[in-house]
Amino acid sequence: MSEIIENFLNQLGPWFFSHGLKIIAVIVVAYFIRRFGDVFIEKIVRKAVISDHFLSREAEKKRENTLIKVFEGTLGMVIWAVVSLIILSEFDINIGPLLAGAGIAGVAFGFGAQYIVRDFLSGFFLILENQYRVGDIICVDDTCGSVENINLRMTILRDVDGTVHYIPNGEIKKAANLSKEFARVNLKVGIAYDSNLEKVVRTVDQIGQEISQDKEWKDKIIKRPEFVRVDDFADSAIIIRISGEVKPLEQWGVLGELRKRLKIAFDKEGIEIPFPQRVIHQAKD
């Protein structure tokens, strides 16, 4: 038994000094590369990502952390894959067939997982470019709703009826963000043809001034709603356009309040919002 142990140690010693130390050195170096790589990636991402001052610090940090995790995970996979191949070669294992087999398997997997890869790449650029974040109101094709979650794989929306939509990022060709930086209130109102336009303009601008100074609404309004132009001559009414700018996600509340105040003011000033009318001419015998 002692001879077997002695022979084993005699064989292990040279192998350890020629191969074992190299394996240990490779593992230690890989460990430090990973640790310093993580620190380097975090610093680069924190400095490289352009800050959006309309977002809260928490939202910005969440966006940066997502990118950091993506880069760190990719770096870790590459490092330990290389380390594994080096260790196998030190055990005199021919890694050529292994690499060839991995290449064939990778090609086969690539064909089957191309949509997943597409989703991940699309999600990465969505987050990197800050196209939208959690809490934004967006429209993807015909689906609109609040972004409840976004990751590299998919975007999760909840619409006004409470229905949750799971949309793979790779299928998003065009997304409209309704809540980034600021929003506009655009309102078209029909008034009777016999209305005094100057009186209508004064009334609209007065309502816009009042709502922008109201303590409940002033912090939500960037530019007060005001008369813009006569937009159209319709069959039964003159169509006027009213426009203003508000903070993100406040456009619907401000529009509702503006409609209410306009109706009250128009009734008070005798400005008619007409129903559709039709003039019928009777032929004479």
Protein backbone atom coordinates (compact mmCIF):
# COMPACT_ATOMS: atom_id res chain seq x y z
CA MET A 1 0.00 0.00 0.00
CA SER A 2 2.82 2.35 0.92
CA GLU A 3 4.47 1.64 -2.44
CA ILE A 4 1.29 2.61 -4.27
CA ILE A 5 1.06 5.86 -2.33
CA GLU A 6 4.74 6.55 -2.93
CA ASN A 7 4.41 5.92 -6.66
CA PHE A 8 1.35 8.17 -6.79
CA LEU A 9 3.19 10.98 -5.01
CA ASN A 10 6.19 10.52 -7.26
CA GLN A 11 3.96 10.91 -10.32
CA LEU A 12 1.87 13.68 -8.78
CA GLY A 13 4.82 15.85 -7.82
CA PRO A 14 6.18 16.48 -11.32
CA TRP A 15 2.66 16.87 -12.74
CA PHE A 16 1.75 19.34 -10.01
CA PHE A 17 4.81 21.51 -10.61
CA SER A 18 4.41 21.39 -14.39
CA HIS A 19 0.62 21.55 -14.65
CA GLY A 20 -0.99 22.00 -11.23
CA LEU A 21 0.67 25.30 -10.45
CA LYS A 22 -0.35 26.57 -13.86
CA ILE A 23 -3.99 25.61 -13.22
CA ILE A 24 -3.94 27.36 -9.83
CA ALA A 25 -2.36 30.44 -11.37
CA VAL A 26 -4.97 30.52 -14.12
CA ILE A 27 -7.83 30.27 -11.59
CA VAL A 28 -6.34 32.99 -9.39
CA VAL A 29 -5.76 35.32 -12.35
CA ALA A 30 -9.29 34.66 -13.66
CA TYR A 31 -10.71 35.44 -10.20
CA PHE A 32 -8.92 38.79 -10.01
CA ILE A 33 -9.82 39.65 -13.61
CA ARG A 34 -13.46 38.97 -12.78
CA ARG A 35 -13.35 41.07 -9.61
CA PHE A 36 -11.54 44.02 -11.18
CA GLY A 37 -13.64 43.63 -14.32
CA ASP A 38 -16.82 44.02 -12.31
CA VAL A 39 -15.49 47.18 -10.66
CA PHE A 40 -14.33 48.54 -14.03
CA ILE A 41 -17.67 47.77 -15.69
CA GLU A 42 -19.63 49.48 -12.91
CA LYS A 43 -17.53 52.65 -13.13
CA ILE A 44 -17.73 52.77 -16.92
CA VAL A 45 -21.51 52.26 -16.98
CA ARG A 46 -22.10 54.86 -14.25
CA LYS A 47 -20.13 57.42 -16.26
CA ALA A 48 -21.07 56.42 -19.80
CA VAL A 49 -24.84 56.22 -19.43
CA ILE A 50 -26.35 59.60 -20.23
CA SER A 51 -28.48 60.82 -17.36
CA ASP A 52 -32.10 61.74 -17.98
CA HIS A 53 -32.87 64.56 -15.54
CA PHE A 54 -36.60 63.93 -15.89
CA LEU A 55 -36.19 60.53 -14.21
CA SER A 56 -35.82 59.97 -10.49
CA ARG A 57 -32.46 58.84 -9.13
CA GLU A 58 -34.00 55.46 -8.27
CA ALA A 59 -35.12 54.92 -11.88
CA GLU A 60 -31.69 55.93 -13.19
CA LYS A 61 -29.95 53.56 -10.76
CA LYS A 62 -32.25 50.71 -11.77
CA ARG A 63 -31.44 51.28 -15.42
CA GLU A 64 -27.68 51.36 -14.73
CA ASN A 65 -27.83 48.24 -12.54
CA THR A 66 -29.55 46.32 -15.33
CA LEU A 67 -26.78 47.19 -17.78
CA ILE A 68 -24.08 46.36 -15.20
CA LYS A 69 -25.58 42.90 -14.61
CA VAL A 70 -25.70 42.22 -18.34
CA PHE A 71 -22.03 43.14 -18.87
CA GLU A 72 -20.86 41.35 -15.72
CA GLY A 73 -22.70 38.17 -16.66
CA THR A 74 -21.23 38.21 -20.16
CA LEU A 75 -17.71 38.80 -18.82
CA GLY A 76 -18.06 35.97 -16.29
CA MET A 77 -19.23 33.49 -18.94
CA VAL A 78 -16.30 34.34 -21.23
CA ILE A 79 -13.68 34.17 -18.47
CA TRP A 80 -14.77 30.82 -17.00
CA ALA A 81 -15.26 29.29 -20.44
CA VAL A 82 -11.62 30.12 -21.28
CA VAL A 83 -10.44 28.88 -17.87
CA SER A 84 -12.29 25.58 -18.34
CA LEU A 85 -10.65 25.00 -21.71
CA ILE A 86 -7.18 25.73 -20.29
CA ILE A 87 -7.71 23.32 -17.38
CA LEU A 88 -8.90 20.57 -19.71
CA SER A 89 -5.84 21.03 -21.89
CA GLU A 90 -3.60 20.73 -18.81
CA PHE A 91 -5.16 17.33 -18.13
CA ASP A 92 -4.05 16.31 -21.65
CA ILE A 93 -7.62 16.28 -22.89
CA ASN A 94 -7.86 17.10 -26.58
CA ILE A 95 -10.17 20.10 -26.71
CA GLY A 96 -10.23 20.22 -30.52
CA PRO A 97 -13.16 17.82 -30.91
CA LEU A 98 -14.83 19.52 -27.97
CA LEU A 99 -14.57 22.90 -29.65
CA ALA A 100 -15.82 21.43 -32.93
CA GLY A 101 -18.75 19.77 -31.18
CA ALA A 102 -19.52 22.97 -29.30
CA GLY A 103 -19.45 24.85 -32.59
CA ILE A 104 -21.91 22.46 -34.22
CA ALA A 105 -24.15 22.50 -31.14
CA GLY A 106 -23.90 26.28 -31.07
CA VAL A 107 -25.03 26.54 -34.66
CA ALA A 108 -27.98 24.21 -34.01
CA PHE A 109 -28.87 26.08 -30.86
CA GLY A 110 -28.51 29.38 -32.67
CA PHE A 111 -31.11 28.43 -35.25
CA GLY A 112 -33.53 27.39 -32.52
CA ALA A 113 -32.83 30.31 -30.19
CA GLN A 114 -32.47 33.13 -32.70
CA TYR A 115 -35.71 34.75 -31.54
CA ILE A 116 -34.57 34.64 -27.92
CA VAL A 117 -31.26 36.24 -28.90
CA ARG A 118 -33.15 38.88 -30.87
CA ASP A 119 -35.35 39.62 -27.85
CA PHE A 120 -32.33 39.97 -25.57
CA LEU A 121 -30.48 42.28 -27.95
CA SER A 122 -33.56 44.43 -28.46
CA GLY A 123 -34.15 44.59 -24.71
CA PHE A 124 -30.53 45.57 -24.13
CA PHE A 125 -30.78 48.54 -26.49
CA LEU A 126 -34.20 49.52 -25.13
CA ILE A 127 -32.66 49.87 -21.68
CA LEU A 128 -29.39 51.37 -22.91
CA GLU A 129 -31.13 54.07 -24.95
CA ASN A 130 -33.71 54.69 -22.21
CA GLN A 131 -36.58 54.54 -24.67
CA TYR A 132 -39.02 53.90 -21.84
CA ARG A 133 -38.93 52.80 -18.21
CA VAL A 134 -41.22 51.28 -15.61
CA GLY A 135 -44.20 53.58 -15.02
CA ASP A 136 -44.20 55.17 -18.49
CA ILE A 137 -47.31 55.08 -20.66
CA ILE A 138 -46.45 53.68 -24.08
CA CYS A 139 -48.16 52.35 -27.19
CA VAL A 140 -46.77 49.34 -29.04
CA ASP A 141 -48.69 48.89 -32.29
CA ASP A 142 -52.34 48.90 -31.15
CA THR A 143 -51.58 48.09 -27.50
CA CYS A 144 -51.28 50.97 -25.04
CA GLY A 145 -50.71 50.84 -21.32
CA SER A 146 -48.47 51.44 -18.36
CA VAL A 147 -45.07 49.70 -18.33
CA GLU A 148 -45.21 47.41 -15.30
CA ASN A 149 -41.87 45.71 -15.97
CA ILE A 150 -39.14 45.62 -18.58
CA ASN A 151 -36.24 43.20 -18.81
CA LEU A 152 -33.99 41.88 -21.55
CA ARG A 153 -36.60 39.31 -22.60
CA MET A 154 -39.89 41.21 -22.71
CA THR A 155 -41.92 44.29 -21.87
CA ILE A 156 -45.01 43.93 -19.67
CA LEU A 157 -47.86 46.41 -20.19
CA ARG A 158 -51.13 46.86 -18.29
CA ASP A 159 -53.84 48.64 -20.28
CA VAL A 160 -56.65 50.87 -19.01
CA ASP A 161 -58.94 47.84 -18.52
CA GLY A 162 -56.35 46.13 -16.33
CA THR A 163 -55.37 43.54 -18.93
CA VAL A 164 -51.68 42.57 -18.81
CA HIS A 165 -49.84 42.25 -22.14
CA TYR A 166 -46.52 40.38 -22.46
CA ILE A 167 -44.64 41.67 -25.50
CA PRO A 168 -41.28 40.13 -26.56
CA ASN A 169 -38.79 42.94 -27.09
CA GLY A 170 -37.75 41.54 -30.47
CA GLU A 171 -41.26 42.11 -31.82
CA ILE A 172 -41.30 45.81 -30.90
CA LYS A 173 -40.65 47.70 -34.13
CA LYS A 174 -42.05 51.03 -32.97
CA ALA A 175 -42.93 52.26 -29.48
CA ALA A 176 -44.60 55.59 -28.71
CA ASN A 177 -43.78 57.00 -25.27
CA LEU A 178 -46.63 59.21 -24.05
CA SER A 179 -44.93 60.25 -20.83
CA LYS A 180 -41.33 61.25 -21.53
CA GLU A 181 -40.10 64.71 -20.49
CA PHE A 182 -43.45 66.46 -21.07
CA ALA A 183 -46.86 65.99 -22.66
CA ARG A 184 -49.22 68.22 -24.59
CA VAL A 185 -52.92 68.79 -24.12
CA ASN A 186 -54.58 69.21 -27.50
CA LEU A 187 -58.30 69.86 -27.54
CA LYS A 188 -60.61 70.55 -30.46
CA VAL A 189 -63.91 72.26 -29.64
CA GLY A 190 -66.78 73.07 -31.99
CA ILE A 191 -68.59 76.40 -31.56
CA ALA A 192 -71.61 77.79 -33.38
CA TYR A 193 -71.07 79.81 -36.55
CA ASP A 194 -72.81 82.84 -35.05
CA SER A 195 -70.41 82.92 -32.08
CA ASN A 196 -68.24 85.99 -31.46
CA LEU A 197 -64.74 84.62 -32.11
CA GLU A 198 -62.98 87.36 -30.15
CA LYS A 199 -65.17 86.54 -27.14
CA VAL A 200 -64.41 82.84 -27.57
CA VAL A 201 -60.66 83.51 -27.65
CA ARG A 202 -60.84 85.68 -24.51
CA THR A 203 -62.89 83.04 -22.67
CA VAL A 204 -60.56 80.18 -23.64
CA ASP A 205 -57.42 82.10 -22.64
CA GLN A 206 -59.04 83.17 -19.36
CA ILE A 207 -59.86 79.56 -18.50
CA GLY A 208 -56.30 78.54 -19.37
CA GLN A 209 -54.96 81.28 -17.10
CA GLU A 210 -57.25 80.27 -14.24
CA ILE A 211 -56.41 76.58 -14.37
CA SER A 212 -52.65 77.30 -14.56
CA GLN A 213 -52.91 79.42 -11.38
CA ASP A 214 -55.13 77.01 -9.48
CA LYS A 215 -53.21 75.50 -6.54
CA GLU A 216 -54.45 72.01 -7.42
CA TRP A 217 -53.29 72.17 -11.03
CA LYS A 218 -50.48 74.74 -11.35
CA ASP A 219 -47.71 72.28 -10.42
CA LYS A 220 -48.85 69.96 -13.20
CA ILE A 221 -48.87 72.57 -15.98
CA ILE A 222 -45.74 73.71 -17.81
CA LYS A 223 -47.39 75.99 -20.39
CA ARG A 224 -50.95 77.10 -19.84
CA PRO A 225 -53.64 75.94 -22.29
CA GLU A 226 -54.55 78.69 -24.77
CA PHE A 227 -56.34 79.33 -28.04
CA VAL A 228 -54.14 78.32 -30.99
CA ARG A 229 -56.20 78.75 -34.15
CA VAL A 230 -59.41 78.10 -36.00
CA ASP A 231 -58.78 74.54 -37.10
CA ASP A 232 -61.64 73.84 -39.48
CA PHE A 233 -65.05 74.88 -40.79
CA ALA A 234 -67.20 71.82 -40.16
CA ASP A 235 -70.77 71.23 -41.30
CA SER A 236 -72.34 72.47 -38.07
CA ALA A 237 -69.54 74.24 -36.19
CA ILE A 238 -66.33 76.21 -36.30
CA ILE A 239 -63.58 73.96 -34.89
CA ILE A 240 -61.04 75.71 -32.68
CA ARG A 241 -57.84 74.19 -31.30
CA ILE A 242 -56.62 74.67 -27.73
CA SER A 243 -53.14 73.55 -26.70
CA GLY A 244 -50.76 73.57 -23.72
CA GLU A 245 -47.93 71.60 -22.14
CA VAL A 246 -48.05 69.59 -18.91
CA LYS A 247 -45.81 67.27 -16.93
CA PRO A 248 -45.67 63.58 -17.95
CA LEU A 249 -48.81 61.51 -17.16
CA GLU A 250 -50.81 64.63 -16.27
CA GLN A 251 -52.35 65.27 -19.71
CA TRP A 252 -55.50 63.25 -19.12
CA GLY A 253 -56.35 64.84 -15.78
CA VAL A 254 -55.68 68.37 -17.08
CA LEU A 255 -57.76 67.71 -20.22
CA GLY A 256 -60.70 66.54 -18.13
CA GLU A 257 -60.56 69.61 -15.90
CA LEU A 258 -60.16 71.89 -18.93
CA ARG A 259 -63.23 70.42 -20.64
CA LYS A 260 -65.28 70.89 -17.47
CA ARG A 261 -64.27 74.51 -17.02
CA LEU A 262 -64.79 75.33 -20.70
CA LYS A 263 -68.33 73.93 -20.62
CA ILE A 264 -69.20 75.96 -17.53
CA ALA A 265 -67.65 79.13 -18.98
CA PHE A 266 -69.30 78.69 -22.41
CA ASP A 267 -72.70 78.22 -20.79
CA LYS A 268 -72.15 81.35 -18.72
CA GLU A 269 -71.03 83.43 -21.72
CA GLY A 270 -73.72 82.10 -24.03
CA ILE A 271 -71.24 80.38 -26.36
CA GLU A 272 -72.95 77.44 -28.03
CA ILE A 273 -71.38 74.06 -28.64
CA PRO A 274 -73.79 72.96 -31.39
CA PHE A 275 -75.24 69.58 -32.21
CA PRO A 276 -74.84 68.35 -35.79
CA GLN A 277 -77.36 70.18 -37.95
CA ARG A 278 -78.83 69.51 -41.37
CA VAL A 279 -80.67 72.01 -43.55
CA ILE A 280 -83.41 70.45 -45.70
CA HIS A 281 -84.71 72.34 -48.74
CA GLN A 282 -88.18 71.34 -49.91
CA ALA A 283 -88.70 71.50 -53.63
CA LYS A 284 -91.59 73.70 -54.75
CA ASP A 285 -94.23 72.31 -57.07
